[in-house]
Amino acid sequence: MIREAMVWIEAAMASQRGNGYFGTAANYGGPDVERIPDFWPNMIMIDVLRTHYEATGDERVISLLTRYFKWQNTIPDSLFLKSYWQHHRGGENLAGVYWLYNHTGDTSLLALAEKIHRNTADYVSGIPDWHNVNFAQAFREPATYYQQSGNPQHLAATYRDLKEIGELYGQVPGGLWCGDENSSPAYTDPRQSIETCGIVELMRSCEALLEITGDAAWADRCEEAAFNSLPASLMPDLKALRYMTSPNMAQSDRSNKCSGTNSTIPALSPWKRRPSGQWCN
């Protein structure tokens, strides 16, 4: 497993350009290219590199991320975290910046953190997007930024957002909510489902929030999802998964249940539903 992982880790590190960017050319942008760079794939790889460093002490990770974050800070706000997925998931980028700051003490990273926060979707004022995976990742962003701001409103926003989605759509047992792509009015019965992505991202958020707050309630919520929702979303050999899992659906097989559960697609607001059947394969 380590040998397989290193193929990709080495390739990612070898891709770094002179200006600090790493990753594929397709996602590249910058001061010399007037288009929005896509930071989202790199946010995932930053987590991989963090794990690699913690396991091995490979100092190349510190060097690579230092140069990469300096490059990020050269991107103007007009091109920064502007496309859909990365706009809502900027908190993942923020967590990587704080990780590096905790290892290096480089105060210039705090300016980048402020830039990321102001260009990420506003989960401090409420819930701006009801896509289940976006929410599972993004609701913790205010609490992540709280580590720098010290503003209790940022910490409270994370607790409030999760409470709100639970009150509206918490009919799915096992620690999750009705979020078959998007949480939607009139789709609130316990038959509704949640993406496997939503389950694991909620668990990831709870793990991070436990570290930030020390509140054991986050460990309880993570355990609830891990023991009551996650097993049903995976095959016993862990080599396949279900895209959507409905904990209260009595029959779980290969037949199509989409017309009963899949209410929206990510590109649509949850308030603008279309007939669900047309989105089923």
C-alpha atoms as a PDB file:
ATOM      1  CA  MET A   1       0.000   0.000   0.000  1.00  0.00           C
ATOM      2  CA  ILE A   2       2.839   2.373   0.823  1.00  0.00           C
ATOM      3  CA  ARG A   3       4.603   1.539  -2.441  1.00  0.00           C
ATOM      4  CA  GLU A   4       1.419   2.277  -4.400  1.00  0.00           C
ATOM      5  CA  ALA A   5       0.859   5.557  -2.554  1.00  0.00           C
ATOM      6  CA  MET A   6       4.434   6.704  -3.170  1.00  0.00           C
ATOM      7  CA  VAL A   7       3.938   6.519  -6.938  1.00  0.00           C
ATOM      8  CA  TRP A   8       1.415   9.339  -6.668  1.00  0.00           C
ATOM      9  CA  ILE A   9       3.138  11.269  -3.889  1.00  0.00           C
ATOM     10  CA  GLU A  10       6.396  11.377  -5.823  1.00  0.00           C
ATOM     11  CA  ALA A  11       4.590  12.394  -9.008  1.00  0.00           C
ATOM     12  CA  ALA A  12       2.782  15.215  -7.207  1.00  0.00           C
ATOM     13  CA  MET A  13       5.993  16.568  -5.693  1.00  0.00           C
ATOM     14  CA  ALA A  14       7.844  16.275  -9.002  1.00  0.00           C
ATOM     15  CA  SER A  15       5.162  18.392 -10.693  1.00  0.00           C
ATOM     16  CA  GLN A  16       5.993  21.570  -8.759  1.00  0.00           C
ATOM     17  CA  ARG A  17       6.858  24.499 -11.009  1.00  0.00           C
ATOM     18  CA  GLY A  18       9.419  27.186 -10.390  1.00  0.00           C
ATOM     19  CA  ASN A  19       6.735  29.590  -9.170  1.00  0.00           C
ATOM     20  CA  GLY A  20       5.484  27.117  -6.544  1.00  0.00           C
ATOM     21  CA  TYR A  21       2.407  25.646  -8.233  1.00  0.00           C
ATOM     22  CA  PHE A  22       2.145  21.861  -8.241  1.00  0.00           C
ATOM     23  CA  GLY A  23      -0.353  19.651 -10.017  1.00  0.00           C
ATOM     24  CA  THR A  24      -1.683  19.281 -13.522  1.00  0.00           C
ATOM     25  CA  ALA A  25      -1.455  21.934 -16.203  1.00  0.00           C
ATOM     26  CA  ALA A  26      -5.235  21.735 -16.677  1.00  0.00           C
ATOM     27  CA  ASN A  27      -5.829  23.224 -13.220  1.00  0.00           C
ATOM     28  CA  TYR A  28      -3.135  25.868 -13.451  1.00  0.00           C
ATOM     29  CA  GLY A  29      -3.767  29.607 -13.373  1.00  0.00           C
ATOM     30  CA  GLY A  30      -1.959  32.587 -12.001  1.00  0.00           C
ATOM     31  CA  PRO A  31      -1.002  36.215 -12.483  1.00  0.00           C
ATOM     32  CA  ASP A  32       0.160  35.477 -16.011  1.00  0.00           C
ATOM     33  CA  VAL A  33      -2.990  33.558 -16.932  1.00  0.00           C
ATOM     34  CA  GLU A  34      -6.327  35.363 -16.690  1.00  0.00           C
ATOM     35  CA  ARG A  35      -8.481  32.450 -15.698  1.00  0.00           C
ATOM     36  CA  ILE A  36      -9.531  30.924 -12.400  1.00  0.00           C
ATOM     37  CA  PRO A  37      -7.067  28.315 -11.105  1.00  0.00           C
ATOM     38  CA  ASP A  38      -8.710  25.239  -9.609  1.00  0.00           C
ATOM     39  CA  PHE A  39      -7.322  24.751  -6.109  1.00  0.00           C
ATOM     40  CA  TRP A  40      -9.758  21.989  -5.150  1.00  0.00           C
ATOM     41  CA  PRO A  41      -7.765  18.941  -6.393  1.00  0.00           C
ATOM     42  CA  ASN A  42      -4.669  20.326  -4.638  1.00  0.00           C
ATOM     43  CA  MET A  43      -6.564  20.669  -1.349  1.00  0.00           C
ATOM     44  CA  ILE A  44      -7.017  16.894  -1.347  1.00  0.00           C
ATOM     45  CA  MET A  45      -3.362  16.314  -2.212  1.00  0.00           C
ATOM     46  CA  ILE A  46      -2.269  18.641   0.605  1.00  0.00           C
ATOM     47  CA  ASP A  47      -3.954  16.219   3.022  1.00  0.00           C
ATOM     48  CA  VAL A  48      -2.024  13.356   1.432  1.00  0.00           C
ATOM     49  CA  LEU A  49       1.257  15.237   1.738  1.00  0.00           C
ATOM     50  CA  ARG A  50       0.542  16.142   5.360  1.00  0.00           C
ATOM     51  CA  THR A  51      -0.044  12.486   6.162  1.00  0.00           C
ATOM     52  CA  HIS A  52       3.119  11.499   4.323  1.00  0.00           C
ATOM     53  CA  TYR A  53       5.158  14.020   6.321  1.00  0.00           C
ATOM     54  CA  GLU A  54       3.686  12.906   9.636  1.00  0.00           C
ATOM     55  CA  ALA A  55       4.526   9.293   8.783  1.00  0.00           C
ATOM     56  CA  THR A  56       8.027   9.848   7.400  1.00  0.00           C
ATOM     57  CA  GLY A  57       9.311  13.338   8.286  1.00  0.00           C
ATOM     58  CA  ASP A  58      10.008  13.980   4.585  1.00  0.00           C
ATOM     59  CA  GLU A  59      11.122  17.642   4.636  1.00  0.00           C
ATOM     60  CA  ARG A  60      10.324  18.012   0.945  1.00  0.00           C
ATOM     61  CA  VAL A  61       6.678  18.378   1.991  1.00  0.00           C
ATOM     62  CA  ILE A  62       7.440  21.476   4.092  1.00  0.00           C
ATOM     63  CA  SER A  63       9.417  23.019   1.238  1.00  0.00           C
ATOM     64  CA  LEU A  64       6.769  22.197  -1.366  1.00  0.00           C
ATOM     65  CA  LEU A  65       3.862  23.592   0.651  1.00  0.00           C
ATOM     66  CA  THR A  66       5.812  26.726   1.617  1.00  0.00           C
ATOM     67  CA  ARG A  67       6.413  27.514  -2.042  1.00  0.00           C
ATOM     68  CA  TYR A  68       2.885  26.535  -3.072  1.00  0.00           C
ATOM     69  CA  PHE A  69       1.187  28.744  -0.500  1.00  0.00           C
ATOM     70  CA  LYS A  70       3.419  31.676  -1.476  1.00  0.00           C
ATOM     71  CA  TRP A  71       2.239  31.177  -5.046  1.00  0.00           C
ATOM     72  CA  GLN A  72      -1.398  31.012  -3.924  1.00  0.00           C
ATOM     73  CA  ASN A  73      -1.025  34.342  -2.179  1.00  0.00           C
ATOM     74  CA  THR A  74      -0.014  35.970  -5.491  1.00  0.00           C
ATOM     75  CA  ILE A  75      -3.382  35.141  -7.076  1.00  0.00           C
ATOM     76  CA  PRO A  76      -5.709  38.185  -7.031  1.00  0.00           C
ATOM     77  CA  ASP A  77      -8.969  37.915  -5.136  1.00  0.00           C
ATOM     78  CA  SER A  78     -10.836  38.181  -8.434  1.00  0.00           C
ATOM     79  CA  LEU A  79      -9.481  34.739  -9.434  1.00  0.00           C
ATOM     80  CA  PHE A  80      -9.257  33.177  -5.982  1.00  0.00           C
ATOM     81  CA  LEU A  81     -11.626  30.290  -5.033  1.00  0.00           C
ATOM     82  CA  LYS A  82     -14.258  31.512  -7.476  1.00  0.00           C
ATOM     83  CA  SER A  83     -15.500  28.350  -9.193  1.00  0.00           C
ATOM     84  CA  TYR A  84     -18.254  26.310  -7.520  1.00  0.00           C
ATOM     85  CA  TRP A  85     -16.595  23.390  -5.755  1.00  0.00           C
ATOM     86  CA  GLN A  86     -13.513  25.175  -4.499  1.00  0.00           C
ATOM     87  CA  HIS A  87     -15.559  28.193  -3.405  1.00  0.00           C
ATOM     88  CA  HIS A  88     -17.497  26.059  -0.933  1.00  0.00           C
ATOM     89  CA  ARG A  89     -14.566  23.870   0.100  1.00  0.00           C
ATOM     90  CA  GLY A  90     -11.972  26.547   0.792  1.00  0.00           C
ATOM     91  CA  GLY A  91     -11.889  25.450   4.428  1.00  0.00           C
ATOM     92  CA  GLU A  92      -9.844  22.443   3.304  1.00  0.00           C
ATOM     93  CA  ASN A  93      -7.212  24.824   1.931  1.00  0.00           C
ATOM     94  CA  LEU A  94      -7.372  26.841   5.158  1.00  0.00           C
ATOM     95  CA  ALA A  95      -6.674  23.759   7.278  1.00  0.00           C
ATOM     96  CA  GLY A  96      -3.568  23.017   5.210  1.00  0.00           C
ATOM     97  CA  VAL A  97      -2.285  26.553   5.710  1.00  0.00           C
ATOM     98  CA  TYR A  98      -2.687  26.299   9.486  1.00  0.00           C
ATOM     99  CA  TRP A  99      -0.960  22.921   9.484  1.00  0.00           C
ATOM    100  CA  LEU A 100       2.087  24.434   7.798  1.00  0.00           C
ATOM    101  CA  TYR A 101       1.997  27.486  10.082  1.00  0.00           C
ATOM    102  CA  ASN A 102       2.061  25.195  13.123  1.00  0.00           C
ATOM    103  CA  HIS A 103       5.181  23.525  11.735  1.00  0.00           C
ATOM    104  CA  THR A 104       7.073  26.626  10.554  1.00  0.00           C
ATOM    105  CA  GLY A 105       5.689  29.645  12.408  1.00  0.00           C
ATOM    106  CA  ASP A 106       5.752  31.609   9.137  1.00  0.00           C
ATOM    107  CA  THR A 107       3.442  34.558   9.874  1.00  0.00           C
ATOM    108  CA  SER A 108       2.946  35.328   6.168  1.00  0.00           C
ATOM    109  CA  LEU A 109       0.697  32.261   6.109  1.00  0.00           C
ATOM    110  CA  LEU A 110      -1.807  34.089   8.313  1.00  0.00           C
ATOM    111  CA  ALA A 111      -2.374  36.676   5.577  1.00  0.00           C
ATOM    112  CA  LEU A 112      -3.127  33.833   3.156  1.00  0.00           C
ATOM    113  CA  ALA A 113      -5.516  32.331   5.706  1.00  0.00           C
ATOM    114  CA  GLU A 114      -7.450  35.608   5.892  1.00  0.00           C
ATOM    115  CA  LYS A 115      -7.580  35.699   2.085  1.00  0.00           C
ATOM    116  CA  ILE A 116      -8.940  32.152   1.949  1.00  0.00           C
ATOM    117  CA  HIS A 117     -11.610  32.916   4.538  1.00  0.00           C
ATOM    118  CA  ARG A 118     -12.903  36.048   2.800  1.00  0.00           C
ATOM    119  CA  ASN A 119     -13.080  34.280  -0.581  1.00  0.00           C
ATOM    120  CA  THR A 120     -14.758  31.088   0.680  1.00  0.00           C
ATOM    121  CA  ALA A 121     -18.543  30.705   0.735  1.00  0.00           C
ATOM    122  CA  ASP A 122     -20.009  32.376   3.814  1.00  0.00           C
ATOM    123  CA  TYR A 123     -21.021  29.693   6.301  1.00  0.00           C
ATOM    124  CA  VAL A 124     -20.778  32.233   9.122  1.00  0.00           C
ATOM    125  CA  SER A 125     -24.014  34.005   8.162  1.00  0.00           C
ATOM    126  CA  GLY A 126     -25.963  30.807   7.420  1.00  0.00           C
ATOM    127  CA  ILE A 127     -25.997  27.851   5.036  1.00  0.00           C
ATOM    128  CA  PRO A 128     -25.353  29.124   1.489  1.00  0.00           C
ATOM    129  CA  ASP A 129     -25.441  25.729  -0.247  1.00  0.00           C
ATOM    130  CA  TRP A 130     -27.345  22.509   0.470  1.00  0.00           C
ATOM    131  CA  HIS A 131     -25.239  20.006  -1.465  1.00  0.00           C
ATOM    132  CA  ASN A 132     -24.574  17.271   1.067  1.00  0.00           C
ATOM    133  CA  VAL A 133     -20.824  16.904   0.513  1.00  0.00           C
ATOM    134  CA  ASN A 134     -20.220  20.639   0.279  1.00  0.00           C
ATOM    135  CA  PHE A 135     -21.984  21.068   3.597  1.00  0.00           C
ATOM    136  CA  ALA A 136     -20.221  18.146   5.284  1.00  0.00           C
ATOM    137  CA  GLN A 137     -16.890  19.762   4.423  1.00  0.00           C
ATOM    138  CA  ALA A 138     -17.744  23.441   4.621  1.00  0.00           C
ATOM    139  CA  PHE A 139     -19.693  23.777   7.860  1.00  0.00           C
ATOM    140  CA  ARG A 140     -16.452  23.481   9.828  1.00  0.00           C
ATOM    141  CA  GLU A 141     -14.736  26.364   7.989  1.00  0.00           C
ATOM    142  CA  PRO A 142     -15.865  29.064  10.451  1.00  0.00           C
ATOM    143  CA  ALA A 143     -14.530  27.036  13.395  1.00  0.00           C
ATOM    144  CA  THR A 144     -11.280  26.443  11.512  1.00  0.00           C
ATOM    145  CA  TYR A 145     -10.860  30.195  11.007  1.00  0.00           C
ATOM    146  CA  TYR A 146     -11.761  30.769  14.664  1.00  0.00           C
ATOM    147  CA  GLN A 147      -8.287  29.475  15.522  1.00  0.00           C
ATOM    148  CA  GLN A 148      -6.928  32.697  14.035  1.00  0.00           C
ATOM    149  CA  SER A 149      -9.769  35.166  14.529  1.00  0.00           C
ATOM    150  CA  GLY A 150     -10.663  34.255  18.112  1.00  0.00           C
ATOM    151  CA  ASN A 151     -14.172  35.477  17.258  1.00  0.00           C
ATOM    152  CA  PRO A 152     -16.707  33.337  19.159  1.00  0.00           C
ATOM    153  CA  GLN A 153     -19.261  33.973  16.386  1.00  0.00           C
ATOM    154  CA  HIS A 154     -17.109  31.889  14.034  1.00  0.00           C
ATOM    155  CA  LEU A 155     -17.067  28.935  16.400  1.00  0.00           C
ATOM    156  CA  ALA A 156     -20.786  29.266  17.129  1.00  0.00           C
ATOM    157  CA  ALA A 157     -21.588  29.317  13.386  1.00  0.00           C
ATOM    158  CA  THR A 158     -20.246  25.785  12.917  1.00  0.00           C
ATOM    159  CA  TYR A 159     -22.401  24.446  15.755  1.00  0.00           C
ATOM    160  CA  ARG A 160     -25.426  26.397  14.489  1.00  0.00           C
ATOM    161  CA  ASP A 161     -25.145  25.235  10.865  1.00  0.00           C
ATOM    162  CA  LEU A 162     -25.026  21.561  11.827  1.00  0.00           C
ATOM    163  CA  LYS A 163     -27.946  22.056  14.219  1.00  0.00           C
ATOM    164  CA  GLU A 164     -29.984  23.742  11.471  1.00  0.00           C
ATOM    165  CA  ILE A 165     -29.481  21.034   8.864  1.00  0.00           C
ATOM    166  CA  GLY A 166     -30.290  18.434  11.507  1.00  0.00           C
ATOM    167  CA  GLU A 167     -33.535  20.144  12.473  1.00  0.00           C
ATOM    168  CA  LEU A 168     -34.613  20.423   8.826  1.00  0.00           C
ATOM    169  CA  TYR A 169     -33.301  17.175   7.357  1.00  0.00           C
ATOM    170  CA  GLY A 170     -32.106  15.009  10.235  1.00  0.00           C
ATOM    171  CA  GLN A 171     -34.582  12.216   9.588  1.00  0.00           C
ATOM    172  CA  VAL A 172     -31.823   9.984   8.222  1.00  0.00           C
ATOM    173  CA  PRO A 173     -30.581   7.954  11.205  1.00  0.00           C
ATOM    174  CA  GLY A 174     -26.968   7.219  11.951  1.00  0.00           C
ATOM    175  CA  GLY A 175     -25.712  10.775  12.403  1.00  0.00           C
ATOM    176  CA  LEU A 176     -26.434  12.092   8.912  1.00  0.00           C
ATOM    177  CA  TRP A 177     -29.227  13.985   7.173  1.00  0.00           C
ATOM    178  CA  CYS A 178     -31.434  13.792   4.073  1.00  0.00           C
ATOM    179  CA  GLY A 179     -28.890  14.830   1.466  1.00  0.00           C
ATOM    180  CA  ASP A 180     -29.310  12.868  -1.747  1.00  0.00           C
ATOM    181  CA  GLU A 181     -27.182  15.329  -3.680  1.00  0.00           C
ATOM    182  CA  ASN A 182     -28.974  18.348  -2.184  1.00  0.00           C
ATOM    183  CA  SER A 183     -31.163  18.624   0.881  1.00  0.00           C
ATOM    184  CA  SER A 184     -34.537  19.771  -0.404  1.00  0.00           C
ATOM    185  CA  PRO A 185     -37.893  20.860   1.023  1.00  0.00           C
ATOM    186  CA  ALA A 186     -40.533  18.098   0.816  1.00  0.00           C
ATOM    187  CA  TYR A 187     -37.789  15.447   0.695  1.00  0.00           C
ATOM    188  CA  THR A 188     -37.433  14.865   4.421  1.00  0.00           C
ATOM    189  CA  ASP A 189     -38.728  11.366   5.117  1.00  0.00           C
ATOM    190  CA  PRO A 190     -36.446   8.660   6.572  1.00  0.00           C
ATOM    191  CA  ARG A 191     -36.294   6.898   3.186  1.00  0.00           C
ATOM    192  CA  GLN A 192     -34.043   9.687   1.878  1.00  0.00           C
ATOM    193  CA  SER A 193     -30.383   8.942   1.419  1.00  0.00           C
ATOM    194  CA  ILE A 194     -26.908  10.413   1.808  1.00  0.00           C
ATOM    195  CA  GLU A 195     -23.805  10.087  -0.342  1.00  0.00           C
ATOM    196  CA  THR A 196     -20.932   7.973   0.907  1.00  0.00           C
ATOM    197  CA  CYS A 197     -18.845  11.108   0.341  1.00  0.00           C
ATOM    198  CA  GLY A 198     -21.125  12.973   2.740  1.00  0.00           C
ATOM    199  CA  ILE A 199     -20.659  10.326   5.427  1.00  0.00           C
ATOM    200  CA  VAL A 200     -16.871  10.287   5.328  1.00  0.00           C
ATOM    201  CA  GLU A 201     -16.588  14.068   5.032  1.00  0.00           C
ATOM    202  CA  LEU A 202     -18.794  14.513   8.097  1.00  0.00           C
ATOM    203  CA  MET A 203     -16.480  12.130   9.949  1.00  0.00           C
ATOM    204  CA  ARG A 204     -13.439  14.089   8.743  1.00  0.00           C
ATOM    205  CA  SER A 205     -15.004  17.347   9.899  1.00  0.00           C
ATOM    206  CA  CYS A 206     -15.836  15.891  13.298  1.00  0.00           C
ATOM    207  CA  GLU A 207     -12.249  14.702  13.711  1.00  0.00           C
ATOM    208  CA  ALA A 208     -10.942  18.186  12.872  1.00  0.00           C
ATOM    209  CA  LEU A 209     -13.463  19.888  15.154  1.00  0.00           C
ATOM    210  CA  LEU A 210     -12.508  17.612  18.028  1.00  0.00           C
ATOM    211  CA  GLU A 211      -8.913  18.807  17.635  1.00  0.00           C
ATOM    212  CA  ILE A 212      -9.978  22.458  17.447  1.00  0.00           C
ATOM    213  CA  THR A 213     -12.526  22.515  20.267  1.00  0.00           C
ATOM    214  CA  GLY A 214     -11.776  19.574  22.551  1.00  0.00           C
ATOM    215  CA  ASP A 215     -15.544  19.000  22.641  1.00  0.00           C
ATOM    216  CA  ALA A 216     -16.160  15.242  22.962  1.00  0.00           C
ATOM    217  CA  ALA A 217     -19.542  15.671  21.247  1.00  0.00           C
ATOM    218  CA  TRP A 218     -17.643  15.703  17.941  1.00  0.00           C
ATOM    219  CA  ALA A 219     -16.109  12.315  18.735  1.00  0.00           C
ATOM    220  CA  ASP A 220     -19.589  10.979  19.537  1.00  0.00           C
ATOM    221  CA  ARG A 221     -20.974  12.284  16.233  1.00  0.00           C
ATOM    222  CA  CYS A 222     -18.070  10.769  14.294  1.00  0.00           C
ATOM    223  CA  GLU A 223     -18.575   7.416  16.011  1.00  0.00           C
ATOM    224  CA  GLU A 224     -22.305   7.507  15.307  1.00  0.00           C
ATOM    225  CA  ALA A 225     -21.698   7.901  11.576  1.00  0.00           C
ATOM    226  CA  ALA A 226     -18.830   5.397  11.522  1.00  0.00           C
ATOM    227  CA  PHE A 227     -20.796   2.599  13.174  1.00  0.00           C
ATOM    228  CA  ASN A 228     -24.322   3.262  11.918  1.00  0.00           C
ATOM    229  CA  SER A 229     -24.066   4.748   8.400  1.00  0.00           C
ATOM    230  CA  LEU A 230     -20.642   4.035   6.936  1.00  0.00           C
ATOM    231  CA  PRO A 231     -20.813   0.191   7.049  1.00  0.00           C
ATOM    232  CA  ALA A 232     -23.996   0.168   4.979  1.00  0.00           C
ATOM    233  CA  SER A 233     -22.369   2.343   2.322  1.00  0.00           C
ATOM    234  CA  LEU A 234     -19.507  -0.103   1.613  1.00  0.00           C
ATOM    235  CA  MET A 235     -19.254  -3.653   0.360  1.00  0.00           C
ATOM    236  CA  PRO A 236     -17.849  -6.129   2.908  1.00  0.00           C
ATOM    237  CA  ASP A 237     -14.473  -6.322   1.124  1.00  0.00           C
ATOM    238  CA  LEU A 238     -14.252  -2.491   0.992  1.00  0.00           C
ATOM    239  CA  LYS A 239     -13.638  -2.642  -2.776  1.00  0.00           C
ATOM    240  CA  ALA A 240     -16.920  -1.027  -3.797  1.00  0.00           C
ATOM    241  CA  LEU A 241     -19.412   1.427  -2.390  1.00  0.00           C
ATOM    242  CA  ARG A 242     -22.931   2.642  -2.874  1.00  0.00           C
ATOM    243  CA  TYR A 243     -23.211   6.135  -4.280  1.00  0.00           C
ATOM    244  CA  MET A 244     -26.264   6.782  -2.104  1.00  0.00           C
ATOM    245  CA  THR A 245     -27.204   4.986   1.112  1.00  0.00           C
ATOM    246  CA  SER A 246     -30.654   5.045   2.684  1.00  0.00           C
ATOM    247  CA  PRO A 247     -30.412   3.608   6.205  1.00  0.00           C
ATOM    248  CA  ASN A 248     -34.179   3.036   6.374  1.00  0.00           C
ATOM    249  CA  MET A 249     -34.538   1.359   2.983  1.00  0.00           C
ATOM    250  CA  ALA A 250     -35.376  -2.269   3.717  1.00  0.00           C
ATOM    251  CA  GLN A 251     -34.059  -3.668   0.430  1.00  0.00           C
ATOM    252  CA  SER A 252     -30.536  -2.829  -0.688  1.00  0.00           C
ATOM    253  CA  ASP A 253     -29.655  -4.379  -4.036  1.00  0.00           C
ATOM    254  CA  ARG A 254     -28.615  -3.432  -7.562  1.00  0.00           C
ATOM    255  CA  SER A 255     -32.076  -2.317  -8.681  1.00  0.00           C
ATOM    256  CA  ASN A 256     -32.745   1.375  -9.252  1.00  0.00           C
ATOM    257  CA  LYS A 257     -34.343   3.184  -6.293  1.00  0.00           C
ATOM    258  CA  CYS A 258     -33.531   6.603  -7.710  1.00  0.00           C
ATOM    259  CA  SER A 259     -37.072   7.789  -8.383  1.00  0.00           C
ATOM    260  CA  GLY A 260     -37.807   7.591  -4.685  1.00  0.00           C
ATOM    261  CA  THR A 261     -34.733   9.279  -3.318  1.00  0.00           C
ATOM    262  CA  ASN A 262     -32.733  11.456  -5.726  1.00  0.00           C
ATOM    263  CA  SER A 263     -34.454  14.814  -5.586  1.00  0.00           C
ATOM    264  CA  THR A 264     -31.936  17.228  -7.094  1.00  0.00           C
ATOM    265  CA  ILE A 265     -28.573  17.566  -8.809  1.00  0.00           C
ATOM    266  CA  PRO A 266     -25.695  19.766  -7.602  1.00  0.00           C
ATOM    267  CA  ALA A 267     -26.160  22.432 -10.273  1.00  0.00           C
ATOM    268  CA  LEU A 268     -29.661  23.211  -9.020  1.00  0.00           C
ATOM    269  CA  SER A 269     -30.747  25.133  -5.978  1.00  0.00           C
ATOM    270  CA  PRO A 270     -32.698  22.899  -3.566  1.00  0.00           C
ATOM    271  CA  TRP A 271     -35.559  25.321  -4.068  1.00  0.00           C
ATOM    272  CA  LYS A 272     -35.666  24.613  -7.822  1.00  0.00           C
ATOM    273  CA  ARG A 273     -36.283  20.906  -8.098  1.00  0.00           C
ATOM    274  CA  ARG A 274     -36.905  19.107 -11.374  1.00  0.00           C
ATOM    275  CA  PRO A 275     -38.599  15.727 -11.814  1.00  0.00           C
ATOM    276  CA  SER A 276     -36.256  13.308 -10.080  1.00  0.00           C
ATOM    277  CA  GLY A 277     -36.491  10.432 -12.549  1.00  0.00           C
ATOM    278  CA  GLN A 278     -34.748  12.283 -15.356  1.00  0.00           C
ATOM    279  CA  TRP A 279     -31.514  12.396 -13.355  1.00  0.00           C
ATOM    280  CA  CYS A 280     -31.334   8.635 -12.888  1.00  0.00           C
ATOM    281  CA  ASN A 281     -28.993   6.442 -14.913  1.00  0.00           C
END
